[in-house]
Amino acid sequence: MADKKLTLHLDFHAGMPIYTQIVEQVQSQLANGILKPGDQLPTVRALAEELRVNFNTVARAYRMLDEARIISTQQGRGTYITEIPSPKVTEKLRRESLIALTERFINEAERLGFSAQDISQMVRDRLKVKKEAH
């Protein structure tokens, strides 16, 4: 069993993929000392059931965490936190989250009939408004 209970709070309306939310929350709990190297995580299947999400969603999150060397899955033993990620790895994961969010935004805008030029102009306009508000 896991030494510490992994606590995730997913927002299904956030516009951010669930796998990204899982990755970011595991990373955040590690950075904040809630999770520590050596702590065991639930199996993909157990976490998927607990969160009531698709098995593949959790598998994708675990795969990203494994590629970032944050977790290690040992056949027959379980999945464990391996280390605190380096700033380079943290930035890579943040960038991947931004890419996923951007792709979702673009796809939704295109579905609504907006052109690439419309989308690009709207982003520039909103960033300008946001900058002026600060």
N, C-alpha and C. Protein backbone atom coordinates (compact mmCIF):
# COMPACT_ATOMS: atom_id res chain seq x y z
N MET A 1 0.83 -1.20 0.00
CA MET A 1 0.00 0.00 0.00
C MET A 1 0.87 1.26 0.00
N ALA A 2 0.26 2.33 -0.45
CA ALA A 2 0.98 3.60 -0.52
C ALA A 2 1.21 4.14 0.88
N ASP A 3 2.39 4.71 1.10
CA ASP A 3 2.68 5.32 2.39
C ASP A 3 1.79 6.53 2.63
N LYS A 4 1.60 7.30 1.60
CA LYS A 4 0.80 8.51 1.69
C LYS A 4 -0.33 8.39 0.68
N LYS A 5 -1.47 8.95 1.01
CA LYS A 5 -2.61 8.91 0.12
C LYS A 5 -2.46 10.03 -0.91
N LEU A 6 -2.39 9.64 -2.17
CA LEU A 6 -2.33 10.61 -3.26
C LEU A 6 -3.71 11.25 -3.35
N THR A 7 -3.77 12.56 -3.19
CA THR A 7 -5.04 13.27 -3.24
C THR A 7 -5.05 14.16 -4.47
N LEU A 8 -5.95 13.87 -5.38
CA LEU A 8 -6.07 14.66 -6.61
C LEU A 8 -7.45 15.28 -6.67
N HIS A 9 -7.50 16.51 -7.12
CA HIS A 9 -8.77 17.22 -7.29
C HIS A 9 -8.86 17.60 -8.76
N LEU A 10 -9.67 16.86 -9.49
CA LEU A 10 -9.80 17.09 -10.93
C LEU A 10 -10.97 18.02 -11.22
N ASP A 11 -10.77 18.87 -12.20
CA ASP A 11 -11.82 19.78 -12.66
C ASP A 11 -12.14 19.40 -14.10
N PHE A 12 -13.28 18.74 -14.28
CA PHE A 12 -13.66 18.25 -15.61
C PHE A 12 -14.13 19.37 -16.53
N HIS A 13 -14.26 20.58 -15.99
CA HIS A 13 -14.70 21.73 -16.79
C HIS A 13 -13.60 22.78 -16.94
N ALA A 14 -12.38 22.43 -16.57
CA ALA A 14 -11.28 23.40 -16.54
C ALA A 14 -10.73 23.72 -17.92
N GLY A 15 -11.02 22.88 -18.90
CA GLY A 15 -10.43 23.10 -20.22
C GLY A 15 -9.00 22.61 -20.29
N MET A 16 -8.56 21.92 -19.25
CA MET A 16 -7.22 21.34 -19.23
C MET A 16 -7.40 19.82 -19.19
N PRO A 17 -6.67 19.10 -20.04
CA PRO A 17 -6.84 17.64 -20.06
C PRO A 17 -6.62 17.02 -18.67
N ILE A 18 -7.39 15.99 -18.39
CA ILE A 18 -7.31 15.32 -17.09
C ILE A 18 -5.91 14.77 -16.84
N TYR A 19 -5.29 14.18 -17.88
CA TYR A 19 -3.94 13.63 -17.67
C TYR A 19 -2.96 14.73 -17.28
N THR A 20 -3.15 15.92 -17.83
CA THR A 20 -2.28 17.06 -17.49
C THR A 20 -2.51 17.47 -16.04
N GLN A 21 -3.77 17.48 -15.60
CA GLN A 21 -4.07 17.81 -14.22
C GLN A 21 -3.41 16.81 -13.26
N ILE A 22 -3.45 15.54 -13.62
CA ILE A 22 -2.82 14.51 -12.77
C ILE A 22 -1.32 14.75 -12.69
N VAL A 23 -0.67 14.97 -13.83
CA VAL A 23 0.78 15.21 -13.87
C VAL A 23 1.13 16.43 -13.01
N GLU A 24 0.41 17.53 -13.22
CA GLU A 24 0.73 18.76 -12.49
C GLU A 24 0.52 18.61 -10.99
N GLN A 25 -0.53 17.89 -10.60
CA GLN A 25 -0.79 17.75 -9.17
C GLN A 25 0.22 16.82 -8.48
N VAL A 26 0.63 15.76 -9.16
CA VAL A 26 1.67 14.90 -8.60
C VAL A 26 2.96 15.71 -8.46
N GLN A 27 3.28 16.45 -9.50
CA GLN A 27 4.50 17.27 -9.50
C GLN A 27 4.43 18.31 -8.38
N SER A 28 3.29 18.95 -8.22
CA SER A 28 3.12 19.97 -7.18
C SER A 28 3.24 19.36 -5.78
N GLN A 29 2.61 18.20 -5.58
CA GLN A 29 2.68 17.55 -4.27
C GLN A 29 4.11 17.10 -3.95
N LEU A 30 4.86 16.74 -4.96
CA LEU A 30 6.26 16.39 -4.77
C LEU A 30 7.07 17.64 -4.41
N ALA A 31 6.85 18.71 -5.16
CA ALA A 31 7.58 19.96 -4.91
C ALA A 31 7.27 20.53 -3.53
N ASN A 32 6.04 20.31 -3.04
CA ASN A 32 5.62 20.84 -1.74
C ASN A 32 5.89 19.89 -0.58
N GLY A 33 6.52 18.75 -0.86
CA GLY A 33 6.88 17.82 0.20
C GLY A 33 5.75 16.92 0.67
N ILE A 34 4.60 16.99 0.01
CA ILE A 34 3.48 16.10 0.37
C ILE A 34 3.83 14.67 -0.05
N LEU A 35 4.38 14.55 -1.26
CA LEU A 35 4.92 13.28 -1.73
C LEU A 35 6.44 13.38 -1.67
N LYS A 36 7.07 12.25 -1.36
CA LYS A 36 8.52 12.22 -1.25
C LYS A 36 9.08 11.05 -2.06
N PRO A 37 10.34 11.16 -2.49
CA PRO A 37 10.96 10.02 -3.16
C PRO A 37 10.79 8.75 -2.32
N GLY A 38 10.39 7.68 -3.00
CA GLY A 38 10.15 6.41 -2.31
C GLY A 38 8.69 6.14 -2.02
N ASP A 39 7.85 7.19 -2.03
CA ASP A 39 6.42 6.99 -1.80
C ASP A 39 5.81 6.19 -2.95
N GLN A 40 4.90 5.29 -2.60
CA GLN A 40 4.24 4.47 -3.60
C GLN A 40 2.94 5.13 -4.04
N LEU A 41 2.70 5.10 -5.35
CA LEU A 41 1.45 5.61 -5.91
C LEU A 41 0.51 4.46 -6.19
N PRO A 42 -0.79 4.76 -6.30
CA PRO A 42 -1.74 3.69 -6.66
C PRO A 42 -1.44 3.16 -8.06
N THR A 43 -1.90 1.96 -8.34
CA THR A 43 -1.77 1.43 -9.69
C THR A 43 -2.60 2.28 -10.64
N VAL A 44 -2.29 2.19 -11.92
CA VAL A 44 -3.06 2.93 -12.93
C VAL A 44 -4.54 2.57 -12.81
N ARG A 45 -4.82 1.28 -12.72
CA ARG A 45 -6.21 0.83 -12.66
C ARG A 45 -6.92 1.36 -11.40
N ALA A 46 -6.24 1.27 -10.25
CA ALA A 46 -6.84 1.72 -8.99
C ALA A 46 -7.11 3.22 -9.03
N LEU A 47 -6.15 4.00 -9.54
CA LEU A 47 -6.34 5.44 -9.60
C LEU A 47 -7.45 5.81 -10.59
N ALA A 48 -7.51 5.12 -11.71
CA ALA A 48 -8.57 5.37 -12.69
C ALA A 48 -9.94 5.11 -12.07
N GLU A 49 -10.06 4.02 -11.32
CA GLU A 49 -11.33 3.70 -10.66
C GLU A 49 -11.67 4.74 -9.61
N GLU A 50 -10.68 5.13 -8.81
CA GLU A 50 -10.90 6.11 -7.74
C GLU A 50 -11.35 7.46 -8.32
N LEU A 51 -10.70 7.88 -9.41
CA LEU A 51 -11.01 9.18 -10.01
C LEU A 51 -12.20 9.12 -10.96
N ARG A 52 -12.59 7.88 -11.29
CA ARG A 52 -13.67 7.65 -12.26
C ARG A 52 -13.34 8.25 -13.62
N VAL A 53 -12.12 7.94 -14.05
CA VAL A 53 -11.67 8.36 -15.38
C VAL A 53 -11.19 7.13 -16.14
N ASN A 54 -11.00 7.29 -17.43
CA ASN A 54 -10.55 6.20 -18.28
C ASN A 54 -9.15 5.75 -17.88
N PHE A 55 -8.95 4.44 -17.89
CA PHE A 55 -7.65 3.83 -17.60
C PHE A 55 -6.54 4.48 -18.43
N ASN A 56 -6.80 4.74 -19.73
CA ASN A 56 -5.79 5.31 -20.62
C ASN A 56 -5.38 6.72 -20.22
N THR A 57 -6.30 7.46 -19.59
CA THR A 57 -5.99 8.81 -19.12
C THR A 57 -4.93 8.76 -18.03
N VAL A 58 -5.12 7.88 -17.07
CA VAL A 58 -4.14 7.73 -15.98
C VAL A 58 -2.84 7.15 -16.53
N ALA A 59 -2.96 6.18 -17.45
CA ALA A 59 -1.75 5.59 -18.04
C ALA A 59 -0.92 6.65 -18.75
N ARG A 60 -1.59 7.57 -19.45
CA ARG A 60 -0.87 8.65 -20.14
C ARG A 60 -0.16 9.56 -19.14
N ALA A 61 -0.84 9.90 -18.05
CA ALA A 61 -0.22 10.74 -17.02
C ALA A 61 0.99 10.03 -16.41
N TYR A 62 0.85 8.76 -16.09
CA TYR A 62 1.95 8.00 -15.51
C TYR A 62 3.10 7.89 -16.51
N ARG A 63 2.78 7.72 -17.79
CA ARG A 63 3.82 7.63 -18.82
C ARG A 63 4.61 8.95 -18.88
N MET A 64 3.90 10.09 -18.82
CA MET A 64 4.59 11.39 -18.83
C MET A 64 5.46 11.55 -17.58
N LEU A 65 4.94 11.14 -16.42
CA LEU A 65 5.72 11.23 -15.19
C LEU A 65 6.93 10.30 -15.23
N ASP A 66 6.76 9.15 -15.86
CA ASP A 66 7.87 8.20 -16.00
C ASP A 66 8.93 8.75 -16.95
N GLU A 67 8.49 9.32 -18.07
CA GLU A 67 9.44 9.91 -19.03
C GLU A 67 10.23 11.04 -18.40
N ALA A 68 9.59 11.75 -17.46
CA ALA A 68 10.25 12.86 -16.77
C ALA A 68 11.09 12.35 -15.59
N ARG A 69 11.10 11.02 -15.40
CA ARG A 69 11.84 10.37 -14.31
C ARG A 69 11.36 10.80 -12.92
N ILE A 70 10.07 11.14 -12.83
CA ILE A 70 9.49 11.50 -11.54
C ILE A 70 8.98 10.26 -10.84
N ILE A 71 8.51 9.29 -11.64
CA ILE A 71 8.06 8.02 -11.07
C ILE A 71 8.77 6.88 -11.79
N SER A 72 8.71 5.72 -11.14
CA SER A 72 9.25 4.50 -11.74
C SER A 72 8.29 3.37 -11.41
N THR A 73 7.89 2.63 -12.43
CA THR A 73 7.03 1.48 -12.22
C THR A 73 7.88 0.23 -12.28
N GLN A 74 7.81 -0.56 -11.22
CA GLN A 74 8.57 -1.79 -11.13
C GLN A 74 7.59 -2.95 -11.19
N GLN A 75 7.69 -3.74 -12.25
CA GLN A 75 6.76 -4.85 -12.48
C GLN A 75 6.61 -5.70 -11.23
N GLY A 76 5.37 -5.87 -10.78
CA GLY A 76 5.09 -6.70 -9.63
C GLY A 76 5.28 -6.02 -8.29
N ARG A 77 5.89 -4.85 -8.27
CA ARG A 77 6.13 -4.13 -7.01
C ARG A 77 5.30 -2.88 -6.89
N GLY A 78 5.10 -2.16 -8.00
CA GLY A 78 4.29 -0.94 -7.93
C GLY A 78 4.99 0.25 -8.56
N THR A 79 4.36 1.39 -8.38
CA THR A 79 4.86 2.65 -8.93
C THR A 79 5.29 3.56 -7.79
N TYR A 80 6.50 4.09 -7.91
CA TYR A 80 7.10 4.88 -6.83
C TYR A 80 7.60 6.22 -7.33
N ILE A 81 7.56 7.21 -6.43
CA ILE A 81 8.17 8.51 -6.69
C ILE A 81 9.68 8.29 -6.68
N THR A 82 10.38 8.77 -7.71
CA THR A 82 11.82 8.54 -7.77
C THR A 82 12.63 9.74 -7.31
N GLU A 83 12.23 10.94 -7.69
CA GLU A 83 13.06 12.10 -7.36
C GLU A 83 12.28 13.39 -7.53
N ILE A 84 12.84 14.44 -7.00
CA ILE A 84 12.28 15.77 -7.23
C ILE A 84 12.77 16.21 -8.60
N PRO A 85 11.85 16.58 -9.50
CA PRO A 85 12.26 16.90 -10.86
C PRO A 85 13.13 18.15 -10.92
N SER A 86 14.03 18.13 -11.88
CA SER A 86 14.88 19.29 -12.09
C SER A 86 14.05 20.42 -12.70
N PRO A 87 14.52 21.66 -12.59
CA PRO A 87 13.79 22.76 -13.21
C PRO A 87 13.57 22.54 -14.71
N LYS A 88 14.53 21.90 -15.37
CA LYS A 88 14.39 21.63 -16.81
C LYS A 88 13.21 20.69 -17.08
N VAL A 89 13.09 19.65 -16.28
CA VAL A 89 11.99 18.70 -16.43
C VAL A 89 10.67 19.38 -16.09
N THR A 90 10.67 20.16 -15.02
CA THR A 90 9.46 20.88 -14.63
C THR A 90 9.00 21.80 -15.75
N GLU A 91 9.92 22.49 -16.36
CA GLU A 91 9.58 23.40 -17.46
C GLU A 91 9.05 22.63 -18.66
N LYS A 92 9.64 21.47 -18.93
CA LYS A 92 9.18 20.64 -20.05
C LYS A 92 7.73 20.21 -19.83
N LEU A 93 7.40 19.78 -18.61
CA LEU A 93 6.03 19.37 -18.30
C LEU A 93 5.06 20.55 -18.38
N ARG A 94 5.50 21.71 -17.89
CA ARG A 94 4.66 22.91 -17.97
C ARG A 94 4.39 23.27 -19.43
N ARG A 95 5.43 23.17 -20.24
CA ARG A 95 5.30 23.49 -21.67
C ARG A 95 4.34 22.52 -22.37
N GLU A 96 4.46 21.23 -22.03
CA GLU A 96 3.55 20.23 -22.61
C GLU A 96 2.10 20.51 -22.20
N SER A 97 1.89 20.98 -20.97
CA SER A 97 0.55 21.34 -20.52
C SER A 97 0.01 22.52 -21.32
N LEU A 98 0.87 23.51 -21.57
CA LEU A 98 0.46 24.68 -22.34
C LEU A 98 0.13 24.29 -23.78
N ILE A 99 0.92 23.40 -24.36
CA ILE A 99 0.65 22.94 -25.72
C ILE A 99 -0.71 22.25 -25.79
N ALA A 100 -0.98 21.36 -24.84
CA ALA A 100 -2.26 20.64 -24.82
C ALA A 100 -3.43 21.60 -24.66
N LEU A 101 -3.28 22.57 -23.79
CA LEU A 101 -4.33 23.57 -23.57
C LEU A 101 -4.54 24.41 -24.83
N THR A 102 -3.46 24.81 -25.47
CA THR A 102 -3.54 25.62 -26.70
C THR A 102 -4.20 24.84 -27.82
N GLU A 103 -3.83 23.58 -27.97
CA GLU A 103 -4.43 22.77 -29.02
C GLU A 103 -5.93 22.60 -28.80
N ARG A 104 -6.32 22.42 -27.54
CA ARG A 104 -7.75 22.28 -27.24
C ARG A 104 -8.48 23.58 -27.58
N PHE A 105 -7.90 24.71 -27.22
CA PHE A 105 -8.49 26.02 -27.51
C PHE A 105 -8.63 26.23 -29.02
N ILE A 106 -7.58 25.95 -29.75
CA ILE A 106 -7.60 26.14 -31.21
C ILE A 106 -8.66 25.24 -31.85
N ASN A 107 -8.69 23.98 -31.44
CA ASN A 107 -9.67 23.04 -32.00
C ASN A 107 -11.09 23.50 -31.72
N GLU A 108 -11.35 23.98 -30.53
CA GLU A 108 -12.69 24.45 -30.18
C GLU A 108 -13.05 25.71 -30.97
N ALA A 109 -12.10 26.64 -31.10
CA ALA A 109 -12.35 27.86 -31.87
C ALA A 109 -12.62 27.54 -33.35
N GLU A 110 -11.85 26.61 -33.89
CA GLU A 110 -12.07 26.19 -35.29
C GLU A 110 -13.43 25.52 -35.45
N ARG A 111 -13.82 24.73 -34.44
CA ARG A 111 -15.12 24.08 -34.48
C ARG A 111 -16.24 25.11 -34.52
N LEU A 112 -15.99 26.25 -33.88
CA LEU A 112 -16.97 27.35 -33.88
C LEU A 112 -16.91 28.19 -35.15
N GLY A 113 -15.99 27.85 -36.06
CA GLY A 113 -15.93 28.51 -37.35
C GLY A 113 -14.93 29.65 -37.47
N PHE A 114 -14.08 29.83 -36.48
CA PHE A 114 -13.09 30.91 -36.55
C PHE A 114 -11.87 30.48 -37.35
N SER A 115 -11.31 31.42 -38.10
CA SER A 115 -10.11 31.13 -38.88
C SER A 115 -8.87 31.25 -38.00
N ALA A 116 -7.76 30.76 -38.52
CA ALA A 116 -6.49 30.88 -37.80
C ALA A 116 -6.17 32.36 -37.53
N GLN A 117 -6.47 33.20 -38.51
CA GLN A 117 -6.22 34.64 -38.35
C GLN A 117 -7.11 35.23 -37.25
N ASP A 118 -8.39 34.83 -37.22
CA ASP A 118 -9.31 35.30 -36.16
C ASP A 118 -8.78 34.89 -34.78
N ILE A 119 -8.36 33.64 -34.68
CA ILE A 119 -7.89 33.11 -33.40
C ILE A 119 -6.63 33.85 -32.95
N SER A 120 -5.69 34.01 -33.87
CA SER A 120 -4.44 34.68 -33.57
C SER A 120 -4.69 36.13 -33.12
N GLN A 121 -5.56 36.83 -33.83
CA GLN A 121 -5.87 38.22 -33.49
C GLN A 121 -6.53 38.31 -32.12
N MET A 122 -7.45 37.39 -31.83
CA MET A 122 -8.13 37.40 -30.53
C MET A 122 -7.15 37.18 -29.40
N VAL A 123 -6.21 36.25 -29.58
CA VAL A 123 -5.21 36.00 -28.54
C VAL A 123 -4.36 37.25 -28.31
N ARG A 124 -3.92 37.87 -29.40
CA ARG A 124 -3.12 39.11 -29.26
C ARG A 124 -3.92 40.19 -28.54
N ASP A 125 -5.19 40.36 -28.93
CA ASP A 125 -6.04 41.38 -28.31
C ASP A 125 -6.23 41.12 -26.81
N ARG A 126 -6.49 39.85 -26.45
CA ARG A 126 -6.73 39.51 -25.04
C ARG A 126 -5.47 39.68 -24.21
N LEU A 127 -4.31 39.33 -24.78
CA LEU A 127 -3.05 39.52 -24.06
C LEU A 127 -2.78 41.00 -23.84
N LYS A 128 -3.11 41.82 -24.83
CA LYS A 128 -2.92 43.27 -24.70
C LYS A 128 -3.82 43.83 -23.60
N VAL A 129 -5.07 43.39 -23.57
CA VAL A 129 -6.01 43.85 -22.54
C VAL A 129 -5.51 43.42 -21.16
N LYS A 130 -5.05 42.20 -21.06
CA LYS A 130 -4.55 41.67 -19.80
C LYS A 130 -3.33 42.45 -19.33
N LYS A 131 -2.43 42.76 -20.26
CA LYS A 131 -1.22 43.51 -19.93
C LYS A 131 -1.58 44.91 -19.43
N GLU A 132 -2.54 45.54 -20.10
CA GLU A 132 -2.96 46.89 -19.71
C GLU A 132 -3.65 46.91 -18.36
N ALA A 133 -4.28 45.81 -17.98
CA ALA A 133 -5.00 45.73 -16.69
C ALA A 133 -4.02 45.63 -15.52
N HIS A 134 -2.79 45.21 -15.79
CA HIS A 134 -1.81 45.05 -14.70
C HIS A 134 -0.98 46.24 -14.53
